[in-house]
Amino acid sequence: MINEQPKQENPADEPRIGAESKTDQEASAQRYTYRWSYEAQAAYDRKELKEKRGKGAKVYAIVMSVAFLLCLAVLGGTVMLSALETPDRSLSASQVAELVNPGTVLIYASSEDSSGYGTGFFVRSNGYIVTNYHIVNGMSSVTVTLYSGEELDAKVQWYSLYDDLAILKVEGENFPVLTLGDSSQLKMGDTAIAIGNPAGNLCPWTLTQGVISSVNREVTVDDFDTHIVDLTLLQTDAQVNPGNSGGPLCNDRGEVIGIVSRKMTDYEGLGLAIPINGAMELVNAYLETGTTEHIVSKVSRARPQMGVSVVNVKVGDRITNDYKAPCDGILVVAISENSGASKVLMIGDIIISIDGKTVTNQEALKKILYQYRVGDTVNVGICRNGENLTVKLKFS
């Protein structure tokens, strides 16, 4: 028999385990109630985004400010160093004259039947003066007048015909030497100041100013008795005249950048000067070693001569009634006596090569000749009566 126990019910005032009272339920509901609003959430999100952006912008601004200040400091330091290393030393024309005039001389050269004036300047304090050779060429007496007015006898120590350079020597010490510049750094438009004696003793120590009109101007001179010479010169529009020859062409710091050599008489404003770097390479070589034989001039190139007159021929061209040119080349039509070609080449020979370099016309030959110096010996390839030969020839 099963004994059933009667159920005991909890008193109404005794709370159940795990159950909340009505008061607790109401308090809990008040504590955790969440009322969501789209407008409020959007406003809250905008506020949060604005705060984040504000923080990011501040960080970005700080980083960029620091970077800018660093760049500014580096740039400022670079500019200051550059200014210290390459200060602006430009002078006025009058200041250049004050520097250059004392080291410049007036040259008077004469012989029994001619005379002329020119300019020169000191390159050594013990009396060495550089000028143009054409001023003293063929003259038996040379006198220089210093800026102070003192006159001194001078002797020609060295000259180069093709470079148009000469060194004079006067007795004495402590002569003012001009500062030399660097002609390799010149550019078109750079300041050019010429100081010299354009009309001899009538207009001594005259200054004219202009610019460098061209660098490395190629000028061909054929007024020499023996060779055609190509010169590499500076061109300037600074006004120069015959008496300026041999005088200094200066930059705006009073440094000599060239030696006035000549002007193109058929035109205005076309003065020419020897670049100082090429000139002083020869001058220094002589003053230090007594010779310039080991120096290849950067100023002049005397075109070596073979001693022949030639014409261009093409294969098949008729040379005589019975003979046509078997190849392209240059045909020898005349030979100078006592030249390198005398007794080596024959009229009718066709020159086809120089030391293995093909010669097809006179222009090709001219370019090849510039690679050699007077006195060099070369192998000349010729076609003689249809037979190819090689002969040795010395350039004169």
Protein backbone atom coordinates (compact mmCIF):
# COMPACT_ATOMS: atom_id res chain seq x y z
CA MET A 1 0.00 0.00 0.00
CA ILE A 2 1.40 3.18 -1.01
CA ASN A 3 1.45 5.93 1.50
CA GLU A 4 0.92 9.27 -0.13
CA GLN A 5 2.26 12.32 1.56
CA PRO A 6 0.21 15.36 1.23
CA LYS A 7 1.77 18.21 -0.78
CA GLN A 8 3.01 21.09 1.24
CA GLU A 9 2.54 24.40 -0.32
CA ASN A 10 4.89 27.29 0.41
CA PRO A 11 3.39 30.02 2.39
CA ALA A 12 2.49 33.02 0.35
CA ASP A 13 4.89 35.26 2.26
CA GLU A 14 7.87 32.88 1.79
CA PRO A 15 9.66 33.53 -1.47
CA ARG A 16 10.63 30.72 -3.74
CA ILE A 17 14.24 29.95 -4.53
CA GLY A 18 15.08 31.38 -7.94
CA ALA A 19 12.03 33.51 -8.09
CA GLU A 20 12.00 37.31 -7.89
CA SER A 21 9.70 39.34 -5.89
CA LYS A 22 7.43 41.78 -7.62
CA THR A 23 9.45 44.69 -6.22
CA ASP A 24 12.72 43.23 -7.53
CA GLN A 25 11.18 42.62 -10.93
CA GLU A 26 10.07 46.22 -11.17
CA ALA A 27 13.50 47.53 -10.11
CA SER A 28 15.24 45.22 -12.58
CA ALA A 29 12.98 46.37 -15.35
CA GLN A 30 13.78 50.00 -14.56
CA ARG A 31 17.50 49.27 -14.42
CA TYR A 32 17.82 47.43 -17.75
CA THR A 33 15.18 49.00 -19.87
CA TYR A 34 16.79 50.18 -23.23
CA ARG A 35 14.87 52.39 -25.53
CA TRP A 36 16.59 52.55 -29.01
CA SER A 37 16.28 55.66 -31.21
CA TYR A 38 17.68 55.99 -34.77
CA GLU A 39 18.23 59.73 -34.45
CA ALA A 40 20.03 59.38 -31.15
CA GLN A 41 22.21 56.54 -32.45
CA ALA A 42 23.13 58.53 -35.56
CA ALA A 43 24.03 61.56 -33.48
CA TYR A 44 26.12 59.38 -31.20
CA ASP A 45 27.93 57.81 -34.19
CA ARG A 46 28.65 61.23 -35.69
CA LYS A 47 30.10 62.38 -32.38
CA GLU A 48 32.33 59.31 -32.13
CA LEU A 49 33.52 59.67 -35.76
CA LYS A 50 34.25 63.36 -35.25
CA GLU A 51 36.31 62.63 -32.17
CA LYS A 52 38.28 59.93 -34.00
CA ARG A 53 38.86 62.20 -36.98
CA GLY A 54 39.91 65.00 -34.71
CA LYS A 55 42.49 62.78 -33.05
CA GLY A 56 43.76 61.53 -36.45
CA ALA A 57 43.99 65.05 -37.83
CA LYS A 58 45.97 66.17 -34.81
CA VAL A 59 48.41 63.27 -35.19
CA TYR A 60 48.71 63.93 -38.95
CA ALA A 61 49.27 67.64 -38.36
CA ILE A 62 51.97 66.92 -35.79
CA VAL A 63 53.75 64.42 -38.08
CA MET A 64 53.61 66.77 -41.08
CA SER A 65 54.79 69.72 -39.01
CA VAL A 66 57.78 67.77 -37.76
CA ALA A 67 58.59 66.58 -41.30
CA PHE A 68 58.28 70.12 -42.65
CA LEU A 69 60.55 71.52 -39.97
CA LEU A 70 63.13 68.80 -40.67
CA CYS A 71 63.03 69.50 -44.41
CA LEU A 72 63.27 73.22 -43.76
CA ALA A 73 66.27 72.69 -41.51
CA VAL A 74 68.03 70.48 -44.08
CA LEU A 75 67.27 72.88 -46.92
CA GLY A 76 68.40 75.86 -44.90
CA GLY A 77 71.62 74.10 -43.99
CA THR A 78 72.25 73.17 -47.61
CA VAL A 79 71.67 76.72 -48.78
CA MET A 80 73.97 78.06 -46.08
CA LEU A 81 76.70 75.57 -46.95
CA SER A 82 76.30 76.33 -50.65
CA ALA A 83 76.56 80.02 -49.92
CA LEU A 84 79.68 79.43 -47.85
CA GLU A 85 81.25 77.22 -50.51
CA THR A 86 80.35 79.35 -53.54
CA PRO A 87 79.91 82.93 -52.42
CA ASP A 88 78.71 85.48 -54.93
CA ARG A 89 81.94 87.26 -55.74
CA SER A 90 80.68 89.21 -58.73
CA LEU A 91 82.34 92.59 -59.09
CA SER A 92 81.38 95.73 -60.91
CA ALA A 93 83.25 96.61 -64.09
CA SER A 94 85.14 99.36 -62.26
CA GLN A 95 86.22 96.89 -59.57
CA VAL A 96 87.43 94.47 -62.26
CA ALA A 97 89.44 97.30 -63.81
CA GLU A 98 91.06 98.07 -60.46
CA LEU A 99 92.16 94.44 -60.17
CA VAL A 100 93.26 93.88 -63.77
CA ASN A 101 94.81 97.17 -64.90
CA PRO A 102 98.01 96.93 -62.78
CA GLY A 103 98.88 93.52 -64.26
CA THR A 104 98.23 94.57 -67.85
CA VAL A 105 100.88 96.12 -70.13
CA LEU A 106 101.02 98.10 -73.35
CA ILE A 107 103.33 96.48 -75.93
CA TYR A 108 105.11 98.39 -78.66
CA ALA A 109 107.00 96.30 -81.24
CA SER A 110 108.98 97.60 -84.19
CA SER A 111 111.37 96.70 -86.95
CA GLU A 112 113.08 98.70 -89.70
CA ASP A 113 109.97 98.86 -91.87
CA SER A 114 107.01 98.27 -89.55
CA SER A 115 105.67 98.76 -86.04
CA GLY A 116 102.59 98.02 -84.02
CA TYR A 117 100.88 98.04 -80.63
CA GLY A 118 99.30 95.35 -78.55
CA THR A 119 98.50 94.24 -75.03
CA GLY A 120 99.85 91.63 -72.64
CA PHE A 121 99.60 90.62 -68.98
CA PHE A 122 101.85 89.17 -66.30
CA VAL A 123 101.61 85.46 -65.50
CA ARG A 124 104.70 85.37 -63.25
CA SER A 125 105.84 87.98 -60.78
CA ASN A 126 109.42 87.75 -62.06
CA GLY A 127 108.57 89.38 -65.38
CA TYR A 128 106.95 86.80 -67.68
CA ILE A 129 104.23 88.27 -69.89
CA VAL A 130 101.78 86.44 -72.19
CA THR A 131 100.60 88.03 -75.42
CA ASN A 132 99.83 87.22 -79.06
CA TYR A 133 102.66 86.14 -81.33
CA HIS A 134 101.42 88.19 -84.26
CA ILE A 135 102.25 91.38 -82.31
CA VAL A 136 105.97 90.58 -82.12
CA ASN A 137 106.35 88.36 -85.19
CA GLY A 138 109.23 89.69 -87.30
CA MET A 139 109.91 92.60 -84.92
CA SER A 140 113.44 93.38 -83.76
CA SER A 141 112.54 95.58 -80.80
CA VAL A 142 109.86 95.10 -78.14
CA THR A 143 109.04 97.56 -75.35
CA VAL A 144 106.36 97.26 -72.68
CA THR A 145 104.77 100.08 -70.73
CA LEU A 146 103.50 99.27 -67.25
CA TYR A 147 100.30 100.70 -65.80
CA SER A 148 102.49 102.97 -63.69
CA GLY A 149 103.93 104.46 -66.87
CA GLU A 150 107.35 102.83 -66.57
CA GLU A 151 108.84 101.52 -69.83
CA LEU A 152 110.87 98.31 -69.97
CA ASP A 153 112.64 96.42 -72.75
CA ALA A 154 111.29 92.94 -73.39
CA LYS A 155 112.62 89.83 -75.09
CA VAL A 156 110.63 87.09 -76.80
CA GLN A 157 111.26 83.88 -74.84
CA TRP A 158 108.90 81.49 -76.64
CA TYR A 159 106.19 81.52 -79.27
CA SER A 160 103.73 79.25 -81.06
CA LEU A 161 102.85 80.33 -84.57
CA TYR A 162 99.66 78.33 -84.92
CA ASP A 163 98.38 79.07 -81.40
CA ASP A 164 99.27 82.78 -81.82
CA LEU A 165 100.90 82.85 -78.38
CA ALA A 166 104.16 84.35 -77.17
CA ILE A 167 105.96 84.77 -73.85
CA LEU A 168 107.89 87.99 -73.22
CA LYS A 169 110.38 88.57 -70.42
CA VAL A 170 111.22 91.84 -68.71
CA GLU A 171 113.78 92.30 -65.95
CA GLY A 172 112.45 92.86 -62.46
CA GLU A 173 110.56 91.28 -59.59
CA ASN A 174 107.23 91.59 -57.79
CA PHE A 175 105.17 92.40 -60.85
CA PRO A 176 101.38 92.10 -60.28
CA VAL A 177 100.14 88.77 -61.63
CA LEU A 178 96.55 88.43 -62.82
CA THR A 179 94.28 85.73 -61.41
CA LEU A 180 93.34 83.05 -63.94
CA GLY A 181 89.84 81.63 -64.31
CA ASP A 182 88.55 78.36 -65.75
CA SER A 183 87.50 78.68 -69.38
CA SER A 184 86.05 75.16 -69.41
CA GLN A 185 83.20 76.35 -67.16
CA LEU A 186 82.10 79.19 -69.43
CA LYS A 187 78.58 79.30 -70.82
CA MET A 188 76.91 81.41 -73.46
CA GLY A 189 75.78 84.66 -71.83
CA ASP A 190 78.49 84.83 -69.15
CA THR A 191 79.99 88.26 -68.56
CA ALA A 192 83.07 89.13 -70.61
CA ILE A 193 85.25 92.19 -69.90
CA ALA A 194 88.13 93.11 -72.18
CA ILE A 195 90.92 95.39 -70.98
CA GLY A 196 93.60 96.53 -73.38
CA ASN A 197 94.94 99.18 -75.67
CA PRO A 198 92.64 99.24 -78.71
CA ALA A 199 94.40 102.21 -80.32
CA GLY A 200 97.85 101.75 -78.83
CA ASN A 201 99.10 104.63 -76.71
CA LEU A 202 96.22 106.83 -77.88
CA CYS A 203 93.65 104.87 -75.81
CA PRO A 204 95.61 102.83 -73.26
CA TRP A 205 93.87 100.68 -70.65
CA THR A 206 90.42 100.78 -72.18
CA LEU A 207 87.62 98.60 -70.78
CA THR A 208 84.77 97.18 -72.84
CA GLN A 209 82.10 94.86 -71.55
CA GLY A 210 79.86 92.26 -73.13
CA VAL A 211 79.07 88.57 -72.87
CA ILE A 212 80.44 85.27 -74.06
CA SER A 213 78.62 84.88 -77.37
CA SER A 214 79.83 81.34 -78.01
CA VAL A 215 82.24 78.80 -76.57
CA ASN A 216 84.34 76.43 -78.69
CA ARG A 217 83.92 78.54 -81.81
CA GLU A 218 85.75 76.79 -84.67
CA VAL A 219 87.67 79.22 -86.88
CA THR A 220 89.73 78.16 -89.89
CA VAL A 221 92.78 80.29 -90.67
CA ASP A 222 94.52 79.86 -94.00
CA ASP A 223 96.84 82.87 -93.92
CA PHE A 224 99.83 80.81 -92.82
CA ASP A 225 102.51 80.05 -95.39
CA THR A 226 102.60 76.33 -94.77
CA HIS A 227 99.38 74.97 -93.28
CA ILE A 228 95.69 75.54 -92.84
CA VAL A 229 94.97 75.84 -89.11
CA ASP A 230 91.73 75.32 -87.21
CA LEU A 231 91.41 77.27 -83.97
CA THR A 232 89.00 76.65 -81.08
CA LEU A 233 88.21 80.07 -79.64
CA LEU A 234 85.82 82.02 -77.43
CA GLN A 235 83.50 84.47 -79.16
CA THR A 236 82.47 87.70 -77.43
CA ASP A 237 80.54 90.83 -78.27
CA ALA A 238 82.79 92.93 -76.03
CA GLN A 239 84.20 95.52 -78.40
CA VAL A 240 87.83 94.78 -79.32
CA ASN A 241 90.23 96.31 -81.83
CA PRO A 242 93.72 95.42 -83.10
CA GLY A 243 95.45 96.95 -80.08
CA ASN A 244 93.48 94.66 -77.76
CA SER A 245 95.38 91.69 -79.16
CA GLY A 246 97.15 89.76 -76.42
CA GLY A 247 95.12 91.38 -73.67
CA PRO A 248 93.01 89.70 -70.99
CA LEU A 249 89.36 88.81 -71.43
CA CYS A 250 87.97 88.56 -67.89
CA ASN A 251 84.87 87.34 -66.11
CA ASP A 252 82.90 89.36 -63.54
CA ARG A 253 85.30 88.28 -60.78
CA GLY A 254 88.34 89.77 -62.46
CA GLU A 255 89.72 86.37 -63.50
CA VAL A 256 91.31 85.95 -66.93
CA ILE A 257 89.24 83.53 -69.02
CA GLY A 258 90.74 84.27 -72.42
CA ILE A 259 93.39 86.11 -74.41
CA VAL A 260 91.99 88.48 -77.03
CA SER A 261 93.35 87.29 -80.36
CA ARG A 262 91.44 88.75 -83.28
CA LYS A 263 88.14 90.14 -84.51
CA MET A 264 86.10 89.35 -87.58
CA THR A 265 86.48 92.61 -89.47
CA ASP A 266 83.54 92.07 -91.81
CA TYR A 267 81.09 91.97 -88.90
CA GLU A 268 80.31 93.97 -85.78
CA GLY A 269 80.54 92.51 -82.29
CA LEU A 270 82.49 89.40 -83.24
CA GLY A 271 85.62 89.34 -81.12
CA LEU A 272 87.62 86.16 -80.61
CA ALA A 273 89.82 85.07 -77.72
CA ILE A 274 92.05 82.10 -76.93
CA PRO A 275 90.60 80.09 -74.00
CA ILE A 276 92.90 80.57 -71.03
CA ASN A 277 93.03 76.85 -70.12
CA GLY A 278 94.48 75.83 -73.48
CA ALA A 279 96.83 78.80 -73.58
CA MET A 280 98.22 78.26 -70.08
CA GLU A 281 98.77 74.56 -70.67
CA LEU A 282 101.35 75.55 -73.29
CA VAL A 283 102.72 78.52 -71.33
CA ASN A 284 103.17 76.52 -68.12
CA ALA A 285 104.79 73.67 -70.02
CA TYR A 286 107.42 76.03 -71.40
CA LEU A 287 108.03 77.86 -68.11
CA GLU A 288 108.38 74.58 -66.21
CA THR A 289 110.22 72.38 -68.72
CA GLY A 290 111.57 74.74 -71.39
CA THR A 291 109.64 73.00 -74.20
CA THR A 292 106.10 72.38 -75.44
CA GLU A 293 106.91 69.47 -77.74
CA HIS A 294 105.14 67.02 -75.41
CA ILE A 295 101.90 69.05 -75.39
CA VAL A 296 99.13 68.57 -77.93
CA SER A 297 97.53 71.99 -78.26
CA LYS A 298 93.85 72.32 -77.40
CA VAL A 299 93.78 75.69 -79.15
CA SER A 300 95.02 74.96 -82.67
CA ARG A 301 95.13 72.05 -85.07
CA ALA A 302 97.48 72.42 -88.00
CA ARG A 303 96.13 70.25 -90.76
CA PRO A 304 98.95 67.89 -91.86
CA GLN A 305 99.71 67.97 -95.55
CA MET A 306 100.44 65.11 -97.90
CA GLY A 307 101.75 67.43 -100.63
CA VAL A 308 99.28 66.39 -103.31
CA SER A 309 96.40 67.87 -105.26
CA VAL A 310 93.47 65.49 -105.60
CA VAL A 311 89.98 65.08 -107.01
CA ASN A 312 87.21 62.68 -106.02
CA VAL A 313 86.58 59.67 -108.25
CA LYS A 314 83.97 56.95 -108.30
CA VAL A 315 84.35 53.43 -109.56
CA GLY A 316 83.96 53.45 -113.34
CA ASP A 317 84.96 57.11 -113.81
CA ARG A 318 87.19 57.50 -116.84
CA ILE A 319 90.68 58.64 -115.85
CA THR A 320 92.34 58.21 -119.26
CA ASN A 321 91.08 56.95 -122.57
CA ASP A 322 92.20 53.47 -121.66
CA TYR A 323 91.76 53.49 -117.87
CA LYS A 324 88.69 53.70 -115.65
CA ALA A 325 88.73 54.04 -111.88
CA PRO A 326 88.48 50.55 -110.37
CA CYS A 327 87.32 51.90 -106.99
CA ASP A 328 86.08 54.95 -105.07
CA GLY A 329 88.78 57.23 -103.68
CA ILE A 330 90.73 60.40 -104.43
CA LEU A 331 92.83 60.68 -107.56
CA VAL A 332 96.27 62.29 -107.34
CA VAL A 333 96.55 64.94 -110.08
CA ALA A 334 99.63 66.87 -108.86
CA ILE A 335 102.49 66.38 -106.38
CA SER A 336 104.46 69.14 -104.61
CA GLU A 337 108.23 68.98 -104.69
CA ASN A 338 109.99 68.33 -101.38
CA SER A 339 106.72 67.10 -99.85
CA GLY A 340 106.05 63.78 -98.16
CA ALA A 341 104.37 62.52 -101.30
CA SER A 342 107.31 63.34 -103.56
CA LYS A 343 108.89 60.13 -104.90
CA VAL A 344 106.29 58.10 -102.95
CA LEU A 345 103.06 58.73 -104.85
CA MET A 346 102.54 59.08 -108.57
CA ILE A 347 100.09 61.13 -110.61
CA GLY A 348 97.22 58.80 -111.40
CA ASP A 349 97.35 56.96 -108.06
CA ILE A 350 94.00 56.60 -106.30
CA ILE A 351 94.28 56.98 -102.51
CA ILE A 352 91.87 54.56 -100.85
CA SER A 353 93.03 54.41 -97.19
CA ILE A 354 95.23 55.97 -94.48
CA ASP A 355 96.45 53.51 -91.84
CA GLY A 356 93.56 51.23 -92.75
CA LYS A 357 90.93 53.99 -92.56
CA THR A 358 88.89 54.09 -95.75
CA VAL A 359 89.16 57.23 -97.86
CA THR A 360 86.29 57.71 -100.31
CA ASN A 361 86.49 61.47 -100.87
CA GLN A 362 88.35 64.62 -99.85
CA GLU A 363 86.12 65.27 -96.83
CA ALA A 364 86.92 61.83 -95.45
CA LEU A 365 90.63 62.49 -95.99
CA LYS A 366 90.40 65.85 -94.19
CA LYS A 367 88.81 64.25 -91.11
CA ILE A 368 91.49 61.57 -91.03
CA LEU A 369 94.31 64.11 -91.34
CA TYR A 370 93.13 65.87 -88.18
CA GLN A 371 93.98 62.74 -86.22
CA TYR A 372 97.69 63.18 -86.99
CA ARG A 373 100.39 65.76 -86.42
CA VAL A 374 102.90 67.27 -88.77
CA GLY A 375 105.82 64.84 -89.03
CA ASP A 376 103.81 61.65 -88.45
CA THR A 377 104.42 58.72 -90.83
CA VAL A 378 101.42 56.73 -92.07
CA ASN A 379 100.64 53.80 -94.32
CA VAL A 380 98.79 54.96 -97.43
CA GLY A 381 96.70 52.46 -99.36
CA ILE A 382 96.61 53.22 -103.09
CA CYS A 383 95.34 51.72 -106.29
CA ARG A 384 97.97 52.04 -109.04
CA ASN A 385 97.14 50.75 -112.50
CA GLY A 386 94.57 48.38 -111.07
CA GLU A 387 96.92 46.99 -108.39
CA ASN A 388 96.46 47.69 -104.68
CA LEU A 389 99.65 48.81 -102.91
CA THR A 390 100.66 50.23 -99.53
CA VAL A 391 103.31 52.95 -99.26
CA LYS A 392 104.73 54.90 -96.33
CA LEU A 393 104.32 58.67 -96.35
CA LYS A 394 105.46 61.37 -93.89
CA PHE A 395 103.16 64.30 -93.31
CA SER A 396 104.72 67.71 -93.83
